[in-house]
Amino acid sequence: MIQYQSRFCFCSLAIGQRYRALALLLAQDIQKYSPNTALIILTDKPQDFSTQSNVIAYKHRQQGIKCYHDKRFVISKALLDFNSCIYIDADMRITAPMPSNIQWIDEPGISARACDSMPLKYIKIIDGIADSKLHKEFKVTQNAAKKLGIHQNWQNITFVHEYLFAVTKDNRKENLFLEYWGKLAPYFELNGVLDGEGNAIGLASAKAGLSIRWCEMEGISFFKDRTEMVRIKKGESSVERMSIYFEQQQNLEYCNSLLTKISTQPSQLFIRLLNWIKLCFTTLNNITFYYW
């Protein structure tokens, strides 16, 4: 039986065969580079992780129209047994040994590898060069802030780029944060912003009084394809050194056969429709918040 450290764990969401396969690679990285650290995973098929001793996998059925806001459930699960959790997207990798004396993990609140103030996030709106999708996201986010009664604090609300961030307990403020995120998730989805969890994280933390800070996350060396391409352009990395990670991700994430895509699309559309209908019904108990 593995003796996990109690300070923190990693956690992730892995729905669908592609992301389960990617999450297995991530689990192997964590086992290699941080062997006493657990990886909590919510997934549609926990049995796929049965041979990975550092993974604690729980059955999860997609709750949102898309999966983005379902991240809150794995964070909630992780914080039941650990003081801190580091959320990491399933398609990312850990690339080097992690030290055992990470200091920033003990700071209460949210430590985000990438974040912006809301005004900076939506600066293209001010400059008049934003596309219609960003305009819609901006409008829905501002309306959500008004619903929560925090719109006057807009300048101080933080948008979190949600691919890598840590949540550390802070006198139960983290519970309020997850509660408000759960309230906001249907609002964003019912208003057509299906990938607005970075906005919801910022609004929910502001309402709950849970601090957000930018953090370099010293001690975690990670691979994320888009981030790595930026590093390569800056001369901070090289294609040759990271080629194995690019190849493995492309083989699993981008090379699905046409038959696989055709066979899974109807079920995905059905799940989205069913969850949309469920959201419409479950939000009727708060018509003022969701529909007025």
Protein backbone atom coordinates (compact mmCIF):
# COMPACT_ATOMS: atom_id res chain seq x y z
CA MET A 1 0.00 0.00 0.00
CA ILE A 2 1.49 3.34 -1.05
CA GLN A 3 1.92 5.89 1.72
CA TYR A 4 0.91 9.16 0.11
CA GLN A 5 2.06 12.46 1.50
CA SER A 6 -0.87 14.29 3.08
CA ARG A 7 0.08 17.85 2.08
CA PHE A 8 -1.03 17.76 -1.52
CA CYS A 9 -2.02 15.68 -4.49
CA PHE A 10 -2.41 16.15 -8.20
CA CYS A 11 -5.87 15.87 -9.70
CA SER A 12 -7.36 15.74 -13.17
CA LEU A 13 -10.44 14.97 -15.24
CA ALA A 14 -10.26 12.24 -17.90
CA ILE A 15 -13.47 11.69 -19.85
CA GLY A 16 -13.31 9.62 -23.03
CA GLN A 17 -10.75 7.14 -24.34
CA ARG A 18 -8.38 9.80 -25.66
CA TYR A 19 -8.04 11.64 -22.37
CA ARG A 20 -7.87 8.45 -20.33
CA ALA A 21 -4.87 7.38 -22.40
CA LEU A 22 -3.23 10.79 -21.98
CA ALA A 23 -3.94 10.76 -18.23
CA LEU A 24 -2.17 7.40 -17.97
CA LEU A 25 1.00 8.98 -19.37
CA LEU A 26 0.65 11.82 -16.86
CA ALA A 27 0.20 9.29 -14.05
CA GLN A 28 3.38 7.52 -15.10
CA ASP A 29 5.25 10.83 -15.07
CA ILE A 30 4.05 11.62 -11.55
CA GLN A 31 4.97 8.14 -10.35
CA LYS A 32 8.47 8.60 -11.78
CA TYR A 33 9.15 12.18 -10.72
CA SER A 34 7.07 12.49 -7.53
CA PRO A 35 6.62 8.88 -6.37
CA ASN A 36 4.78 9.57 -3.11
CA THR A 37 2.21 11.90 -4.66
CA ALA A 38 -1.28 10.68 -5.49
CA LEU A 39 -3.14 11.56 -8.67
CA ILE A 40 -6.89 11.86 -8.13
CA ILE A 41 -8.83 11.29 -11.35
CA LEU A 42 -12.53 11.54 -12.13
CA THR A 43 -13.22 9.44 -15.18
CA ASP A 44 -15.92 7.55 -17.04
CA LYS A 45 -13.86 4.32 -16.83
CA PRO A 46 -11.91 3.98 -13.56
CA GLN A 47 -10.85 0.44 -14.52
CA ASP A 48 -8.48 1.89 -17.13
CA PHE A 49 -6.29 3.08 -14.24
CA SER A 50 -6.36 -0.12 -12.20
CA THR A 51 -2.71 -0.97 -12.95
CA GLN A 52 -1.45 2.50 -12.01
CA SER A 53 -0.74 2.32 -8.27
CA ASN A 54 -0.46 6.09 -7.71
CA VAL A 55 -3.90 6.83 -9.19
CA ILE A 56 -7.08 7.06 -7.14
CA ALA A 57 -9.79 6.94 -9.80
CA TYR A 58 -13.46 7.68 -9.21
CA LYS A 59 -16.37 7.07 -11.51
CA HIS A 60 -17.75 10.30 -12.96
CA ARG A 61 -20.57 11.00 -15.36
CA GLN A 62 -20.30 14.25 -17.29
CA GLN A 63 -22.51 16.87 -15.63
CA GLY A 64 -22.11 19.88 -17.90
CA ILE A 65 -23.03 20.41 -21.53
CA LYS A 66 -19.28 20.08 -22.01
CA CYS A 67 -16.72 18.88 -19.47
CA TYR A 68 -14.94 22.16 -18.69
CA HIS A 69 -16.82 23.05 -15.50
CA ASP A 70 -16.70 19.44 -14.28
CA LYS A 71 -13.18 20.22 -13.07
CA ARG A 72 -14.72 21.53 -9.87
CA PHE A 73 -15.85 18.04 -8.90
CA VAL A 74 -12.36 16.55 -8.97
CA ILE A 75 -11.01 19.50 -6.94
CA SER A 76 -13.78 18.97 -4.40
CA LYS A 77 -12.95 15.26 -4.23
CA ALA A 78 -9.22 15.90 -3.84
CA LEU A 79 -9.70 18.36 -0.98
CA LEU A 80 -11.58 15.78 1.06
CA ASP A 81 -8.32 13.96 1.82
CA PHE A 82 -5.58 16.49 1.08
CA ASN A 83 -4.87 20.01 2.30
CA SER A 84 -3.95 21.14 -1.23
CA CYS A 85 -4.49 19.88 -4.73
CA ILE A 86 -2.80 20.78 -7.98
CA TYR A 87 -5.22 20.62 -10.89
CA ILE A 88 -3.44 19.67 -14.14
CA ASP A 89 -5.04 19.00 -17.52
CA ALA A 90 -4.94 15.34 -18.54
CA ASP A 91 -3.07 16.13 -21.77
CA MET A 92 -0.09 17.66 -19.92
CA ARG A 93 3.09 15.98 -18.72
CA ILE A 94 5.56 16.27 -15.84
CA THR A 95 9.10 16.25 -17.25
CA ALA A 96 11.54 16.38 -14.32
CA PRO A 97 11.86 15.33 -10.65
CA MET A 98 9.87 17.39 -8.16
CA PRO A 99 11.44 18.49 -4.86
CA SER A 100 9.79 17.43 -1.62
CA ASN A 101 9.97 20.89 -0.05
CA ILE A 102 7.66 22.91 -2.30
CA GLN A 103 6.80 26.00 -0.27
CA TRP A 104 4.10 27.73 -2.31
CA ILE A 105 1.73 24.77 -2.05
CA ASP A 106 1.01 25.69 1.58
CA GLU A 107 -0.15 29.24 0.81
CA PRO A 108 -3.95 29.43 1.33
CA GLY A 109 -6.06 30.15 -1.73
CA ILE A 110 -5.42 29.62 -5.42
CA SER A 111 -1.95 29.62 -6.96
CA ALA A 112 -2.24 29.89 -10.74
CA ARG A 113 0.52 29.23 -13.26
CA ALA A 114 -1.16 31.74 -15.59
CA CYS A 115 -3.77 34.37 -14.78
CA ASP A 116 -4.85 37.89 -15.77
CA SER A 117 -6.98 40.62 -14.31
CA MET A 118 -10.40 40.67 -15.96
CA PRO A 119 -9.68 44.07 -17.62
CA LEU A 120 -6.47 42.65 -19.11
CA LYS A 121 -8.20 39.47 -20.22
CA TYR A 122 -10.75 41.51 -22.15
CA ILE A 123 -8.49 44.34 -23.33
CA LYS A 124 -9.36 43.52 -26.95
CA ILE A 125 -12.91 44.61 -26.16
CA ILE A 126 -11.59 48.02 -25.14
CA ASP A 127 -9.39 48.20 -28.24
CA GLY A 128 -12.32 47.25 -30.45
CA ILE A 129 -10.59 44.27 -32.08
CA ALA A 130 -12.32 41.39 -30.33
CA ASP A 131 -14.25 38.74 -32.24
CA SER A 132 -17.91 37.96 -31.57
CA LYS A 133 -17.06 34.96 -29.37
CA LEU A 134 -14.97 37.09 -27.00
CA HIS A 135 -17.65 39.80 -26.96
CA LYS A 136 -20.22 37.21 -25.89
CA GLU A 137 -17.93 35.77 -23.22
CA PHE A 138 -17.24 39.27 -21.89
CA LYS A 139 -20.93 40.14 -21.70
CA VAL A 140 -21.90 36.89 -19.97
CA THR A 141 -19.02 37.24 -17.48
CA GLN A 142 -19.95 40.81 -16.60
CA ASN A 143 -23.60 39.82 -16.19
CA ALA A 144 -22.54 36.93 -13.94
CA ALA A 145 -20.52 39.37 -11.82
CA LYS A 146 -23.65 41.52 -11.45
CA LYS A 147 -25.68 38.47 -10.45
CA LEU A 148 -23.18 37.79 -7.68
CA GLY A 149 -23.08 41.44 -6.63
CA ILE A 150 -19.33 41.83 -7.25
CA HIS A 151 -19.36 43.82 -10.51
CA GLN A 152 -18.15 46.96 -8.77
CA ASN A 153 -14.95 45.06 -7.94
CA TRP A 154 -14.37 44.12 -11.60
CA GLN A 155 -10.88 45.66 -11.72
CA ASN A 156 -9.70 43.34 -8.96
CA ILE A 157 -11.23 40.08 -10.23
CA THR A 158 -8.77 37.57 -11.68
CA PHE A 159 -9.23 35.31 -14.69
CA VAL A 160 -7.45 31.96 -14.25
CA HIS A 161 -5.99 30.02 -17.16
CA GLU A 162 -7.22 26.76 -15.81
CA TYR A 163 -4.76 24.21 -17.24
CA LEU A 164 -2.52 24.28 -14.12
CA PHE A 165 -3.46 25.75 -10.75
CA ALA A 166 -3.43 24.76 -7.11
CA VAL A 167 -6.12 25.13 -4.45
CA THR A 168 -5.10 25.15 -0.79
CA LYS A 169 -7.63 25.16 2.04
CA ASP A 170 -8.34 28.50 3.70
CA ASN A 171 -10.78 28.28 6.61
CA ARG A 172 -13.49 26.72 4.43
CA LYS A 173 -13.37 29.55 1.89
CA GLU A 174 -12.47 26.85 -0.60
CA ASN A 175 -15.87 25.25 0.01
CA LEU A 176 -17.63 28.52 -0.70
CA PHE A 177 -15.52 28.92 -3.82
CA LEU A 178 -16.62 25.51 -5.13
CA GLU A 179 -20.23 26.28 -4.19
CA TYR A 180 -20.22 29.54 -6.17
CA TRP A 181 -18.46 27.85 -9.10
CA GLY A 182 -21.24 25.27 -9.07
CA LYS A 183 -23.79 28.07 -9.19
CA LEU A 184 -22.01 29.85 -12.04
CA ALA A 185 -21.37 26.79 -14.22
CA PRO A 186 -25.00 26.47 -15.42
CA TYR A 187 -25.21 30.23 -15.94
CA PHE A 188 -22.28 30.24 -18.35
CA GLU A 189 -23.44 27.13 -20.19
CA LEU A 190 -27.07 28.18 -20.51
CA ASN A 191 -25.84 31.46 -21.98
CA GLY A 192 -23.74 29.70 -24.58
CA VAL A 193 -20.27 30.05 -23.01
CA LEU A 194 -19.30 26.41 -22.67
CA ASP A 195 -15.60 26.92 -21.94
CA GLY A 196 -15.89 29.74 -19.42
CA GLU A 197 -14.42 28.00 -16.38
CA GLY A 198 -11.52 30.45 -16.09
CA ASN A 199 -14.06 33.24 -15.70
CA ALA A 200 -16.13 31.22 -13.24
CA ILE A 201 -13.04 30.45 -11.13
CA GLY A 202 -12.24 34.16 -10.90
CA LEU A 203 -15.78 35.23 -10.06
CA ALA A 204 -16.35 32.41 -7.56
CA SER A 205 -13.08 33.07 -5.73
CA ALA A 206 -13.83 36.80 -5.54
CA LYS A 207 -17.28 36.13 -4.09
CA ALA A 208 -15.92 33.56 -1.62
CA GLY A 209 -13.01 35.76 -0.54
CA LEU A 210 -10.50 33.10 -1.66
CA SER A 211 -7.33 34.79 -2.89
CA ILE A 212 -5.78 34.16 -6.30
CA ARG A 213 -2.11 34.79 -6.96
CA TRP A 214 0.18 34.22 -9.92
CA CYS A 215 2.73 31.57 -9.10
CA GLU A 216 5.69 30.31 -11.11
CA MET A 217 5.08 26.95 -9.45
CA GLU A 218 8.77 26.45 -8.88
CA GLY A 219 9.55 22.75 -8.73
CA ILE A 220 7.07 21.63 -11.39
CA SER A 221 8.57 21.16 -14.85
CA PHE A 222 5.70 20.54 -17.23
CA PHE A 223 4.89 20.03 -20.90
CA LYS A 224 1.85 21.59 -22.52
CA ASP A 225 1.91 21.66 -26.30
CA ARG A 226 0.85 25.28 -26.81
CA THR A 227 3.03 26.57 -24.01
CA GLU A 228 5.98 24.57 -25.31
CA MET A 229 5.62 26.06 -28.78
CA VAL A 230 5.88 29.54 -27.25
CA ARG A 231 8.99 28.47 -25.34
CA ILE A 232 10.53 27.10 -28.53
CA LYS A 233 9.89 30.36 -30.40
CA LYS A 234 11.59 32.25 -27.55
CA GLY A 235 14.58 29.91 -27.64
CA GLU A 236 13.79 28.60 -24.15
CA SER A 237 13.20 25.05 -25.40
CA SER A 238 13.80 22.94 -28.50
CA VAL A 239 11.72 20.67 -30.70
CA GLU A 240 14.40 17.99 -30.53
CA ARG A 241 14.43 17.83 -26.74
CA MET A 242 10.65 17.76 -26.44
CA SER A 243 9.89 15.71 -29.56
CA ILE A 244 8.91 12.58 -27.61
CA TYR A 245 6.19 14.50 -25.78
CA PHE A 246 4.84 16.06 -28.97
CA GLU A 247 4.80 12.67 -30.70
CA GLN A 248 3.06 10.86 -27.86
CA GLN A 249 0.40 13.54 -27.56
CA GLN A 250 -0.25 13.69 -31.28
CA ASN A 251 -0.55 9.91 -31.47
CA LEU A 252 -3.16 9.85 -28.72
CA GLU A 253 -4.99 13.17 -29.03
CA TYR A 254 -4.95 14.12 -32.70
CA CYS A 255 -4.73 10.87 -34.64
CA ASN A 256 -8.11 9.32 -33.97
CA SER A 257 -9.42 7.42 -36.94
CA LEU A 258 -12.34 8.80 -38.89
CA LEU A 259 -14.37 5.77 -37.86
CA THR A 260 -13.74 6.52 -34.15
CA LYS A 261 -14.81 10.13 -34.57
CA ILE A 262 -17.97 9.14 -36.46
CA SER A 263 -18.88 6.48 -33.89
CA THR A 264 -18.43 8.71 -30.83
CA GLN A 265 -19.99 11.92 -32.12
CA PRO A 266 -23.66 10.84 -31.79
CA SER A 267 -23.18 9.79 -28.15
CA GLN A 268 -21.39 13.05 -27.35
CA LEU A 269 -24.19 15.06 -28.91
CA PHE A 270 -26.77 13.05 -26.97
CA ILE A 271 -24.94 13.66 -23.67
CA ARG A 272 -24.76 17.37 -24.37
CA LEU A 273 -28.45 17.56 -25.23
CA LEU A 274 -29.45 15.52 -22.19
CA ASN A 275 -27.32 17.63 -19.86
CA TRP A 276 -28.70 20.84 -21.38
CA ILE A 277 -32.23 19.63 -20.65
CA LYS A 278 -31.22 18.72 -17.09
CA LEU A 279 -29.68 22.15 -16.56
CA CYS A 280 -32.85 23.83 -17.79
CA PHE A 281 -34.91 21.93 -15.24
CA THR A 282 -32.52 22.13 -12.27
CA THR A 283 -32.09 25.89 -12.65
CA LEU A 284 -35.82 26.54 -12.46
CA ASN A 285 -35.50 26.68 -8.67
CA ASN A 286 -33.62 29.96 -9.08
CA ILE A 287 -35.29 31.67 -12.01
CA THR A 288 -34.17 35.13 -10.93
CA PHE A 289 -30.48 34.22 -11.09
CA TYR A 290 -30.50 32.17 -14.26
CA TYR A 291 -33.23 33.68 -16.44
CA TRP A 292 -33.95 37.28 -15.42
